Amino acid sequence: MANEAGTHDGRLRDLEAEAFRTGRTLAEHSEELATIREQQRTAFGNIDSLADAIGAPGDRPIAQRLDTIERVLFALARSQGIDPDAL
């Protein structure tokens, strides 16, 4: 009976340790997701700012404005020796 209780206690400790590791892993993933969301917000904000700088909203369709942005970025990449078509 004592051996059974010791085995049970050991198993409980193992489960608690596993739960702790899982909780820590989930917390780390949550932090990473928050960072990714913030990066996405920043990126979308930068895209909007760049699109607004190229043409006022409503001035031209978004497709034309994005095409202009793409051409500007390709020209910038080429000026730095990067072939955007190879990426």
C-alpha atoms as a PDB file:
ATOM      1  CA  MET A   1       0.000   0.000   0.000  1.00  0.00           C
ATOM      2  CA  ALA A   2       2.847   2.417   0.869  1.00  0.00           C
ATOM      3  CA  ASN A   3       4.492   1.595  -2.447  1.00  0.00           C
ATOM      4  CA  GLU A   4       1.224   2.350  -4.226  1.00  0.00           C
ATOM      5  CA  ALA A   5       0.953   5.734  -2.460  1.00  0.00           C
ATOM      6  CA  GLY A   6       4.553   6.560  -3.398  1.00  0.00           C
ATOM      7  CA  THR A   7       3.872   5.677  -7.032  1.00  0.00           C
ATOM      8  CA  HIS A   8       0.720   7.789  -6.949  1.00  0.00           C
ATOM      9  CA  ASP A   9       2.593  10.761  -5.426  1.00  0.00           C
ATOM     10  CA  GLY A  10       5.333  10.427  -8.019  1.00  0.00           C
ATOM     11  CA  ARG A  11       2.808  10.372 -10.829  1.00  0.00           C
ATOM     12  CA  LEU A  12       1.100  13.472  -9.406  1.00  0.00           C
ATOM     13  CA  ARG A  13       4.451  15.299  -9.285  1.00  0.00           C
ATOM     14  CA  ASP A  14       5.123  14.299 -12.902  1.00  0.00           C
ATOM     15  CA  LEU A  15       1.689  15.574 -13.956  1.00  0.00           C
ATOM     16  CA  GLU A  16       2.189  18.834 -12.076  1.00  0.00           C
ATOM     17  CA  ALA A  17       5.578  19.327 -13.699  1.00  0.00           C
ATOM     18  CA  GLU A  18       4.103  18.621 -17.138  1.00  0.00           C
ATOM     19  CA  ALA A  19       1.237  21.052 -16.483  1.00  0.00           C
ATOM     20  CA  PHE A  20       3.748  23.711 -15.441  1.00  0.00           C
ATOM     21  CA  ARG A  21       5.827  23.187 -18.599  1.00  0.00           C
ATOM     22  CA  THR A  22       2.690  23.301 -20.749  1.00  0.00           C
ATOM     23  CA  GLY A  23       1.538  26.499 -19.057  1.00  0.00           C
ATOM     24  CA  ARG A  24       4.922  28.111 -19.574  1.00  0.00           C
ATOM     25  CA  THR A  25       4.936  27.044 -23.232  1.00  0.00           C
ATOM     26  CA  LEU A  26       1.453  28.489 -23.745  1.00  0.00           C
ATOM     27  CA  ALA A  27       2.506  31.756 -22.115  1.00  0.00           C
ATOM     28  CA  GLU A  28       5.555  31.949 -24.393  1.00  0.00           C
ATOM     29  CA  HIS A  29       3.388  31.306 -27.460  1.00  0.00           C
ATOM     30  CA  SER A  30       0.932  33.964 -26.323  1.00  0.00           C
ATOM     31  CA  GLU A  31       3.769  36.471 -26.038  1.00  0.00           C
ATOM     32  CA  GLU A  32       5.013  35.532 -29.508  1.00  0.00           C
ATOM     33  CA  LEU A  33       1.508  35.955 -30.943  1.00  0.00           C
ATOM     34  CA  ALA A  34       1.202  39.378 -29.330  1.00  0.00           C
ATOM     35  CA  THR A  35       4.528  40.375 -30.892  1.00  0.00           C
ATOM     36  CA  ILE A  36       3.422  39.108 -34.309  1.00  0.00           C
ATOM     37  CA  ARG A  37       0.120  40.995 -34.040  1.00  0.00           C
ATOM     38  CA  GLU A  38       1.984  44.205 -33.179  1.00  0.00           C
ATOM     39  CA  GLN A  39       4.342  43.689 -36.131  1.00  0.00           C
ATOM     40  CA  GLN A  40       1.356  43.165 -38.431  1.00  0.00           C
ATOM     41  CA  ARG A  41      -0.329  46.338 -37.139  1.00  0.00           C
ATOM     42  CA  THR A  42       2.886  48.259 -37.749  1.00  0.00           C
ATOM     43  CA  ALA A  43       3.323  46.780 -41.227  1.00  0.00           C
ATOM     44  CA  PHE A  44      -0.258  47.533 -42.246  1.00  0.00           C
ATOM     45  CA  GLY A  45       0.089  51.037 -40.837  1.00  0.00           C
ATOM     46  CA  ASN A  46       3.261  51.538 -42.854  1.00  0.00           C
ATOM     47  CA  ILE A  47       1.538  50.295 -46.001  1.00  0.00           C
ATOM     48  CA  ASP A  48      -1.362  52.676 -45.415  1.00  0.00           C
ATOM     49  CA  SER A  49       1.031  55.564 -44.783  1.00  0.00           C
ATOM     50  CA  LEU A  50       3.005  54.789 -47.907  1.00  0.00           C
ATOM     51  CA  ALA A  51      -0.164  54.465 -49.972  1.00  0.00           C
ATOM     52  CA  ASP A  52      -1.410  57.783 -48.615  1.00  0.00           C
ATOM     53  CA  ALA A  53       1.912  59.425 -49.427  1.00  0.00           C
ATOM     54  CA  ILE A  54       1.770  58.196 -53.009  1.00  0.00           C
ATOM     55  CA  GLY A  55      -1.779  59.308 -53.573  1.00  0.00           C
ATOM     56  CA  ALA A  56      -4.535  60.757 -51.473  1.00  0.00           C
ATOM     57  CA  PRO A  57      -7.271  58.264 -50.574  1.00  0.00           C
ATOM     58  CA  GLY A  58      -9.909  58.318 -53.286  1.00  0.00           C
ATOM     59  CA  ASP A  59      -7.493  60.040 -55.642  1.00  0.00           C
ATOM     60  CA  ARG A  60      -6.711  56.767 -57.450  1.00  0.00           C
ATOM     61  CA  PRO A  61      -7.923  53.204 -56.989  1.00  0.00           C
ATOM     62  CA  ILE A  62      -5.969  51.235 -54.392  1.00  0.00           C
ATOM     63  CA  ALA A  63      -4.726  48.820 -57.083  1.00  0.00           C
ATOM     64  CA  GLN A  64      -3.010  51.665 -58.926  1.00  0.00           C
ATOM     65  CA  ARG A  65      -1.547  53.046 -55.721  1.00  0.00           C
ATOM     66  CA  LEU A  66      -0.232  49.611 -54.721  1.00  0.00           C
ATOM     67  CA  ASP A  67       1.268  49.147 -58.187  1.00  0.00           C
ATOM     68  CA  THR A  68       3.129  52.433 -57.717  1.00  0.00           C
ATOM     69  CA  ILE A  69       4.367  51.289 -54.302  1.00  0.00           C
ATOM     70  CA  GLU A  70       5.574  48.020 -55.814  1.00  0.00           C
ATOM     71  CA  ARG A  71       7.496  49.848 -58.532  1.00  0.00           C
ATOM     72  CA  VAL A  72       9.091  52.153 -55.962  1.00  0.00           C
ATOM     73  CA  LEU A  73      10.129  49.193 -53.786  1.00  0.00           C
ATOM     74  CA  PHE A  74      11.535  47.290 -56.772  1.00  0.00           C
ATOM     75  CA  ALA A  75      13.540  50.351 -57.837  1.00  0.00           C
ATOM     76  CA  LEU A  76      14.842  50.739 -54.287  1.00  0.00           C
ATOM     77  CA  ALA A  77      15.833  47.068 -54.135  1.00  0.00           C
ATOM     78  CA  ARG A  78      17.623  47.260 -57.483  1.00  0.00           C
ATOM     79  CA  SER A  79      19.501  50.397 -56.396  1.00  0.00           C
ATOM     80  CA  GLN A  80      20.840  48.379 -53.462  1.00  0.00           C
ATOM     81  CA  GLY A  81      21.933  45.505 -55.686  1.00  0.00           C
ATOM     82  CA  ILE A  82      18.995  43.250 -54.840  1.00  0.00           C
ATOM     83  CA  ASP A  83      17.129  41.494 -57.622  1.00  0.00           C
ATOM     84  CA  PRO A  84      13.490  41.520 -56.445  1.00  0.00           C
ATOM     85  CA  ASP A  85      12.513  39.025 -59.136  1.00  0.00           C
ATOM     86  CA  ALA A  86      14.906  36.470 -57.618  1.00  0.00           C
ATOM     87  CA  LEU A  87      13.280  36.726 -54.185  1.00  0.00           C
END
